[in-house]
Amino acid sequence: MVRACWGKTSIAPDADSLRSRPFVMLHLLLFLLLTPFMLAACGTNVTSESIQEEPIEREPIPASRAWLDLAYAPMSAAQRLDIYLPPAGEGPFPVVVWIHGGGWSSGDKALAPNSAPRRLDARGYAVVSLNYRLSGEARFPAAVHDVKAAVRWLRANGARYHLLVEEIGTWSSSAGGHLAAMLGTSGGVPDLEGADLGNAEESSRVQAVVVWFGPSDLLQMDVQATEQGCPLFQGTGHDSSTSPEGRFLGDAPSQVPQLAAQASPVTWASADDPPSLIQHGLSDCTVPWRQSESLAAALSAQLPPESVTLVYLEAGHGGGGFAADTTLERVANFSTRFCGDRWSGSCYSKNEVSAMCGTSCNLSQWRSRC
């Protein structure tokens, strides 16, 4: 017998009704329909063990092994992303988010099969490439809000697309590198979250960051370029209302110093930031290499030494050493920061894995793929 706790009404059949098959069926149906509601009303504890979670309904993997132009937020047509899966397997696959460059004013998420980010496919990673609102449409912090909304969307929906979303890395260059660094350093800053773009209950934090020649301190770019022996960028410098930084902020950085500081990854470096690999060309006069030095210094002041790696290359603003296999291999090996069964490299010994990821790697979770 089940009695409703708000009174004496009973749905248990009496002796007369038991003699009638229709009444038995009716009471059984009522029992099945009403029991969950009465248990809740009576304060009955229902444990997670007593409820089986419905399996996640995964999308069938297309022949192209990619989904294109998925909306991660509803505000703008720019808020779209592409998902590229590795060439084989059902997953779930660890995720690297790629954010395109272009001075926050141009660029697109489309990736050629032989592009640097897509080369992570062969290492077992899913690559997610995203667009965001450019400075011609919306100024800072719109782009930061967008990339964080994209990460939250991945956490909420990625399992449907065969993605492993507990740990997400990001790798980007130039203006995209700046946004990747902001993902890494500004986690938990409410003004930079853009929670109104959706999935506010999910985390926008990432677990590893690779920055290629990205701005990190918008107030120091001209000073550092001069120290490096570079001419003023585009003849007027970065501290101009018409520079990429000026259009991103809405005015020259020196005219809006608080906003420029808020838009600078170095401002937000803290002890809970993820490991970072930072790479910069020594001949770069578009973004001076000291910007990467500043980011590494800010992170190193907060994190253990093995969590921050700064590498200088014989290159300018991209090209050169950035196209070398050794550079891309370094990025791929940085995936060992994930460790555990998220390790997607080829067959390495435990000693080799330990040498590559240092003390940040929990070798007790390491599993050989050999």
Protein backbone atom coordinates (compact mmCIF):
# COMPACT_ATOMS: atom_id res chain seq x y z
CA MET A 1 0.00 0.00 0.00
CA VAL A 2 1.20 3.50 -0.78
CA ARG A 3 -0.51 6.36 1.05
CA ALA A 4 -0.21 10.00 0.12
CA CYS A 5 1.49 11.74 3.03
CA TRP A 6 -0.72 14.83 2.74
CA GLY A 7 -3.80 12.86 3.89
CA LYS A 8 -5.31 9.44 4.26
CA THR A 9 -6.22 8.95 0.61
CA SER A 10 -5.05 5.53 -0.46
CA ILE A 11 -4.57 4.05 -3.91
CA ALA A 12 -4.31 0.53 -2.53
CA PRO A 13 -7.21 -1.62 -3.84
CA ASP A 14 -9.83 -2.84 -1.37
CA ALA A 15 -11.23 -6.38 -1.24
CA ASP A 16 -14.25 -5.66 -3.47
CA SER A 17 -12.20 -4.02 -6.19
CA LEU A 18 -9.79 -6.93 -6.21
CA ARG A 19 -12.64 -9.13 -7.42
CA SER A 20 -12.88 -7.03 -10.60
CA ARG A 21 -10.03 -7.29 -13.15
CA PRO A 22 -10.68 -3.76 -14.59
CA PHE A 23 -10.36 -2.24 -11.16
CA VAL A 24 -7.08 -4.08 -10.60
CA MET A 25 -5.68 -2.78 -13.86
CA LEU A 26 -6.85 0.76 -13.08
CA HIS A 27 -5.25 0.75 -9.65
CA LEU A 28 -2.02 -0.66 -11.04
CA LEU A 29 -1.88 2.09 -13.61
CA LEU A 30 -2.54 4.76 -10.98
CA PHE A 31 0.15 3.22 -8.78
CA LEU A 32 2.74 3.42 -11.53
CA LEU A 33 1.84 6.98 -12.49
CA LEU A 34 1.53 8.53 -9.05
CA THR A 35 4.18 6.78 -6.95
CA PRO A 36 7.11 9.03 -8.06
CA PHE A 37 5.17 12.17 -7.19
CA MET A 38 4.13 10.91 -3.77
CA LEU A 39 7.64 9.74 -2.95
CA ALA A 40 8.92 13.23 -3.73
CA ALA A 41 6.17 14.87 -1.68
CA CYS A 42 6.85 12.61 1.28
CA GLY A 43 10.55 13.51 1.26
CA THR A 44 11.70 10.05 0.25
CA ASN A 45 15.39 10.11 -0.60
CA VAL A 46 16.17 8.88 -4.09
CA THR A 47 19.86 8.19 -4.49
CA SER A 48 21.85 8.40 -7.70
CA GLU A 49 22.30 4.63 -7.48
CA SER A 50 18.55 4.13 -7.76
CA ILE A 51 18.29 6.14 -10.97
CA GLN A 52 19.91 5.08 -14.19
CA GLU A 53 21.09 8.00 -16.29
CA GLU A 54 19.83 7.91 -19.81
CA PRO A 55 22.67 7.25 -22.24
CA ILE A 56 23.79 10.24 -24.24
CA GLU A 57 22.42 10.10 -27.74
CA ARG A 58 25.43 10.65 -29.98
CA GLU A 59 25.21 12.12 -33.42
CA PRO A 60 26.15 9.70 -36.21
CA ILE A 61 29.65 10.52 -37.44
CA PRO A 62 29.45 11.95 -40.97
CA ALA A 63 31.61 10.55 -43.75
CA SER A 64 33.62 13.80 -43.60
CA ARG A 65 34.18 13.22 -39.87
CA ALA A 66 33.33 16.88 -39.31
CA TRP A 67 30.42 19.06 -38.27
CA LEU A 68 30.50 22.60 -39.61
CA ASP A 69 28.81 25.85 -38.59
CA LEU A 70 27.34 24.72 -35.29
CA ALA A 71 25.89 27.66 -33.32
CA TYR A 72 27.34 27.96 -29.81
CA ALA A 73 25.45 31.16 -28.87
CA PRO A 74 22.36 32.95 -30.23
CA MET A 75 23.48 36.58 -30.42
CA SER A 76 25.43 36.73 -33.69
CA ALA A 77 25.97 34.82 -36.92
CA ALA A 78 29.67 34.88 -36.02
CA GLN A 79 29.11 32.60 -33.05
CA ARG A 80 29.73 29.36 -34.91
CA LEU A 81 32.23 26.53 -34.61
CA ASP A 82 33.48 23.55 -36.60
CA ILE A 83 34.35 20.14 -35.15
CA TYR A 84 36.94 17.93 -36.86
CA LEU A 85 37.31 14.39 -35.54
CA PRO A 86 40.40 12.19 -35.93
CA PRO A 87 40.39 10.01 -39.04
CA ALA A 88 39.26 6.85 -37.23
CA GLY A 89 37.48 5.71 -34.10
CA GLU A 90 34.28 6.51 -32.23
CA GLY A 91 35.81 8.48 -29.37
CA PRO A 92 35.23 10.21 -27.13
CA PHE A 93 38.22 12.28 -28.25
CA PRO A 94 40.16 14.90 -26.25
CA VAL A 95 39.62 18.43 -27.55
CA VAL A 96 41.87 21.25 -28.68
CA VAL A 97 40.14 24.54 -29.46
CA TRP A 98 41.67 26.63 -32.25
CA ILE A 99 40.91 30.39 -32.36
CA HIS A 100 41.86 32.17 -35.58
CA GLY A 101 43.96 35.33 -35.69
CA GLY A 102 43.53 38.45 -37.81
CA GLY A 103 43.95 41.39 -35.45
CA TRP A 104 40.49 40.75 -33.95
CA SER A 105 39.09 42.31 -37.15
CA SER A 106 39.36 39.56 -39.79
CA GLY A 107 39.90 35.84 -40.21
CA ASP A 108 37.79 32.72 -40.31
CA LYS A 109 37.49 29.36 -38.58
CA ALA A 110 37.85 27.30 -41.79
CA LEU A 111 40.85 24.93 -41.60
CA ALA A 112 42.49 23.14 -44.50
CA PRO A 113 43.23 19.44 -43.95
CA ASN A 114 47.00 20.10 -43.95
CA SER A 115 46.84 23.15 -41.65
CA ALA A 116 48.86 23.08 -38.44
CA PRO A 117 45.87 22.59 -36.11
CA ARG A 118 44.43 19.78 -38.21
CA ARG A 119 47.71 17.91 -37.90
CA LEU A 120 46.67 17.12 -34.34
CA ASP A 121 44.01 14.81 -35.84
CA ALA A 122 46.64 12.14 -36.33
CA ARG A 123 47.48 12.32 -32.62
CA GLY A 124 43.91 11.40 -31.68
CA TYR A 125 42.61 14.90 -30.95
CA ALA A 126 39.38 16.45 -32.08
CA VAL A 127 40.05 19.99 -33.27
CA VAL A 128 37.34 22.58 -32.68
CA SER A 129 37.79 25.79 -34.67
CA LEU A 130 35.59 28.74 -33.85
CA ASN A 131 34.61 32.18 -35.07
CA TYR A 132 33.85 35.06 -32.75
CA ARG A 133 32.53 38.60 -33.06
CA LEU A 134 35.16 40.76 -34.71
CA SER A 135 35.95 44.33 -33.68
CA GLY A 136 33.89 45.73 -36.57
CA GLU A 137 30.80 44.15 -35.02
CA ALA A 138 31.47 44.38 -31.30
CA ARG A 139 34.33 45.63 -29.17
CA PHE A 140 36.06 44.07 -26.18
CA PRO A 141 35.00 42.11 -24.19
CA ALA A 142 32.70 40.58 -26.85
CA ALA A 143 35.38 38.31 -28.35
CA VAL A 144 36.41 37.05 -24.91
CA HIS A 145 32.76 36.41 -24.03
CA ASP A 146 32.39 34.46 -27.25
CA VAL A 147 35.33 32.10 -26.83
CA LYS A 148 34.25 31.38 -23.26
CA ALA A 149 30.69 30.73 -24.44
CA ALA A 150 32.09 28.30 -27.00
CA VAL A 151 33.95 26.34 -24.30
CA ARG A 152 30.80 26.22 -22.16
CA TRP A 153 28.79 25.02 -25.17
CA LEU A 154 31.32 22.26 -25.77
CA ARG A 155 31.02 21.13 -22.17
CA ALA A 156 27.23 21.08 -22.42
CA ASN A 157 26.95 19.47 -25.86
CA GLY A 158 30.30 17.97 -26.81
CA ALA A 159 29.49 14.42 -25.72
CA ARG A 160 26.87 14.27 -28.47
CA TYR A 161 29.68 14.92 -30.94
CA HIS A 162 32.00 12.23 -29.56
CA LEU A 163 34.11 14.72 -27.57
CA LEU A 164 35.79 14.27 -24.20
CA VAL A 165 34.94 17.59 -22.59
CA GLU A 166 36.23 17.23 -19.03
CA GLU A 167 39.64 18.55 -20.10
CA ILE A 168 39.91 21.02 -22.98
CA GLY A 169 43.05 22.59 -24.37
CA THR A 170 43.39 25.63 -26.61
CA TRP A 171 46.08 26.50 -29.16
CA SER A 172 46.03 29.70 -31.19
CA SER A 173 48.18 32.38 -32.80
CA SER A 174 48.36 36.20 -32.91
CA ALA A 175 45.00 37.75 -31.91
CA GLY A 176 43.70 34.21 -31.46
CA GLY A 177 46.68 33.57 -29.19
CA HIS A 178 45.62 36.58 -27.12
CA LEU A 179 42.12 35.09 -26.75
CA ALA A 180 43.59 31.69 -25.87
CA ALA A 181 45.71 33.35 -23.18
CA MET A 182 42.61 35.13 -21.88
CA LEU A 183 40.87 31.74 -21.63
CA GLY A 184 43.80 30.53 -19.59
CA THR A 185 44.24 33.45 -17.21
CA SER A 186 40.80 35.04 -16.74
CA GLY A 187 38.84 32.03 -15.58
CA GLY A 188 36.31 32.97 -12.91
CA VAL A 189 36.26 36.72 -13.75
CA PRO A 190 32.51 37.51 -13.93
CA ASP A 191 32.83 40.59 -16.16
CA LEU A 192 34.69 38.52 -18.75
CA GLU A 193 32.44 35.47 -18.69
CA GLY A 194 29.50 36.51 -20.89
CA ALA A 195 27.20 34.14 -19.03
CA ASP A 196 24.17 35.56 -20.85
CA LEU A 197 25.36 33.79 -24.01
CA GLY A 198 24.24 30.45 -22.61
CA ASN A 199 25.23 27.35 -20.62
CA ALA A 200 26.13 29.50 -17.62
CA GLU A 201 26.17 26.41 -15.40
CA GLU A 202 29.18 25.04 -17.29
CA SER A 203 32.82 25.99 -16.75
CA SER A 204 34.69 28.02 -19.36
CA ARG A 205 38.08 27.11 -17.91
CA VAL A 206 40.59 25.28 -20.08
CA GLN A 207 43.24 22.86 -18.87
CA ALA A 208 46.15 23.66 -21.20
CA VAL A 209 47.10 26.67 -23.35
CA VAL A 210 49.44 27.03 -26.33
CA VAL A 211 50.04 30.62 -27.44
CA TRP A 212 51.84 31.49 -30.66
CA PHE A 213 53.00 35.14 -30.84
CA GLY A 214 49.95 36.59 -29.08
CA PRO A 215 49.61 40.05 -27.49
CA SER A 216 49.59 39.84 -23.70
CA ASP A 217 50.03 43.42 -22.43
CA LEU A 218 48.27 45.93 -24.70
CA LEU A 219 49.77 48.98 -22.94
CA GLN A 220 53.37 47.94 -23.57
CA MET A 221 53.41 46.89 -27.22
CA ASP A 222 54.96 50.06 -28.67
CA VAL A 223 57.55 50.32 -25.90
CA GLN A 224 58.61 46.72 -26.41
CA ALA A 225 58.65 47.04 -30.19
CA THR A 226 61.00 50.04 -29.90
CA GLU A 227 63.28 48.15 -27.51
CA GLN A 228 63.35 45.35 -30.06
CA GLY A 229 64.40 47.76 -32.82
CA CYS A 230 61.12 47.55 -34.77
CA PRO A 231 59.55 50.51 -36.59
CA LEU A 232 56.16 51.82 -35.47
CA PHE A 233 53.50 49.31 -36.45
CA GLN A 234 51.71 50.51 -39.61
CA GLY A 235 53.42 53.89 -39.17
CA THR A 236 51.28 54.94 -36.19
CA GLY A 237 52.06 52.20 -33.69
CA HIS A 238 49.83 49.98 -31.61
CA ASP A 239 48.85 52.88 -29.35
CA SER A 240 46.49 54.34 -31.92
CA SER A 241 42.72 54.36 -32.29
CA THR A 242 43.12 52.88 -35.78
CA SER A 243 45.48 50.05 -34.79
CA PRO A 244 44.11 46.53 -34.29
CA GLU A 245 44.30 47.11 -30.54
CA GLY A 246 42.57 50.49 -30.87
CA ARG A 247 39.71 49.01 -32.88
CA PHE A 248 39.47 46.10 -30.45
CA LEU A 249 39.17 48.43 -27.45
CA GLY A 250 37.37 51.33 -29.12
CA ASP A 251 40.25 53.79 -28.62
CA ALA A 252 44.03 53.90 -28.31
CA PRO A 253 45.12 51.74 -25.36
CA SER A 254 46.72 54.71 -23.55
CA GLN A 255 43.39 56.56 -23.73
CA VAL A 256 41.53 53.70 -22.05
CA PRO A 257 44.23 52.25 -19.76
CA GLN A 258 41.86 50.44 -17.42
CA LEU A 259 40.11 48.77 -20.32
CA ALA A 260 43.45 47.91 -21.93
CA ALA A 261 44.61 46.34 -18.68
CA GLN A 262 41.38 44.38 -18.40
CA ALA A 263 41.94 43.09 -21.95
CA SER A 264 45.52 41.99 -21.19
CA PRO A 265 46.13 38.36 -20.17
CA VAL A 266 49.03 39.36 -17.88
CA THR A 267 46.55 41.20 -15.65
CA TRP A 268 44.74 38.01 -14.69
CA ALA A 269 47.58 35.54 -14.11
CA SER A 270 46.91 33.52 -10.95
CA ALA A 271 47.86 30.31 -9.19
CA ASP A 272 44.91 28.36 -10.65
CA ASP A 273 45.89 28.98 -14.28
CA PRO A 274 46.56 25.95 -16.50
CA PRO A 275 49.97 24.96 -17.92
CA SER A 276 51.05 27.12 -20.87
CA LEU A 277 53.40 26.66 -23.80
CA ILE A 278 54.35 30.03 -25.33
CA GLN A 279 56.24 30.31 -28.63
CA HIS A 280 57.39 33.49 -30.41
CA GLY A 281 59.58 34.43 -33.35
CA LEU A 282 62.58 36.63 -32.59
CA SER A 283 62.07 38.63 -35.80
CA ASP A 284 58.42 39.44 -35.12
CA CYS A 285 57.72 43.17 -35.46
CA THR A 286 53.93 42.74 -35.63
CA VAL A 287 53.68 41.52 -32.04
CA PRO A 288 57.04 42.06 -30.30
CA TRP A 289 58.50 38.93 -28.78
CA ARG A 290 58.71 40.62 -25.40
CA GLN A 291 54.91 40.24 -25.21
CA SER A 292 55.47 36.51 -24.81
CA GLU A 293 58.23 37.21 -22.32
CA SER A 294 55.76 39.30 -20.29
CA LEU A 295 53.14 36.57 -20.35
CA ALA A 296 55.65 33.91 -19.31
CA ALA A 297 56.90 36.12 -16.47
CA ALA A 298 53.38 36.80 -15.19
CA LEU A 299 52.53 33.10 -15.24
CA SER A 300 55.86 32.02 -13.76
CA ALA A 301 55.26 34.28 -10.78
CA GLN A 302 52.14 32.23 -10.00
CA LEU A 303 52.80 28.70 -11.26
CA PRO A 304 55.45 26.01 -10.72
CA PRO A 305 58.32 26.10 -13.24
CA GLU A 306 57.20 22.99 -15.13
CA SER A 307 53.85 24.63 -15.93
CA VAL A 308 55.28 27.47 -18.04
CA THR A 309 57.41 26.94 -21.14
CA LEU A 310 58.68 29.84 -23.30
CA VAL A 311 60.33 28.99 -26.63
CA TYR A 312 61.88 31.48 -29.07
CA LEU A 313 62.08 30.56 -32.74
CA GLU A 314 63.94 31.87 -35.75
CA ALA A 315 60.83 33.30 -37.33
CA GLY A 316 58.76 36.41 -37.76
CA HIS A 317 55.02 36.70 -37.19
CA GLY A 318 54.44 33.07 -38.16
CA GLY A 319 56.15 31.12 -40.92
CA GLY A 320 59.75 30.00 -40.60
CA GLY A 321 60.27 27.89 -37.51
CA PHE A 322 56.55 27.69 -36.84
CA ALA A 323 56.12 25.43 -39.86
CA ALA A 324 58.86 23.06 -38.72
CA ASP A 325 57.91 19.54 -37.72
CA THR A 326 59.84 19.95 -34.46
CA THR A 327 57.66 22.94 -33.48
CA LEU A 328 54.44 21.09 -34.20
CA GLU A 329 55.79 18.04 -32.37
CA ARG A 330 56.45 20.21 -29.33
CA VAL A 331 52.83 21.36 -29.41
CA ALA A 332 51.62 17.78 -29.77
CA ASN A 333 53.81 16.60 -26.90
CA PHE A 334 52.39 19.35 -24.75
CA SER A 335 49.26 17.20 -24.73
CA THR A 336 50.96 15.15 -22.03
CA ARG A 337 49.76 17.82 -19.64
CA PHE A 338 46.44 15.97 -19.87
CA CYS A 339 47.98 12.56 -19.07
CA GLY A 340 45.81 9.64 -17.91
CA ASP A 341 43.75 8.01 -20.61
CA ARG A 342 43.61 11.38 -22.37
CA TRP A 343 47.21 10.83 -23.51
CA SER A 344 46.94 10.65 -27.29
CA GLY A 345 50.53 10.35 -28.41
CA SER A 346 52.23 7.48 -30.11
CA CYS A 347 53.90 4.72 -28.11
CA TYR A 348 56.21 6.27 -25.53
CA SER A 349 57.72 4.63 -22.48
CA LYS A 350 56.77 5.86 -19.02
CA ASN A 351 60.18 7.47 -18.66
CA GLU A 352 59.73 9.34 -21.96
CA VAL A 353 56.28 10.55 -20.90
CA SER A 354 57.68 11.68 -17.54
CA ALA A 355 60.50 13.57 -19.25
CA MET A 356 58.07 15.38 -21.52
CA CYS A 357 55.44 16.41 -19.00
CA GLY A 358 57.47 16.75 -15.82
CA THR A 359 56.02 16.55 -12.34
CA SER A 360 52.64 17.81 -13.53
CA CYS A 361 51.97 14.34 -14.92
CA ASN A 362 50.36 11.72 -12.70
CA LEU A 363 52.10 8.59 -13.95
CA SER A 364 49.82 6.36 -11.90
CA GLN A 365 47.11 7.29 -14.40
CA TRP A 366 49.32 6.71 -17.45
CA ARG A 367 48.21 3.98 -19.83
CA SER A 368 50.31 2.61 -22.65
CA ARG A 369 48.82 2.60 -26.12
CA CYS A 370 51.53 0.29 -27.46
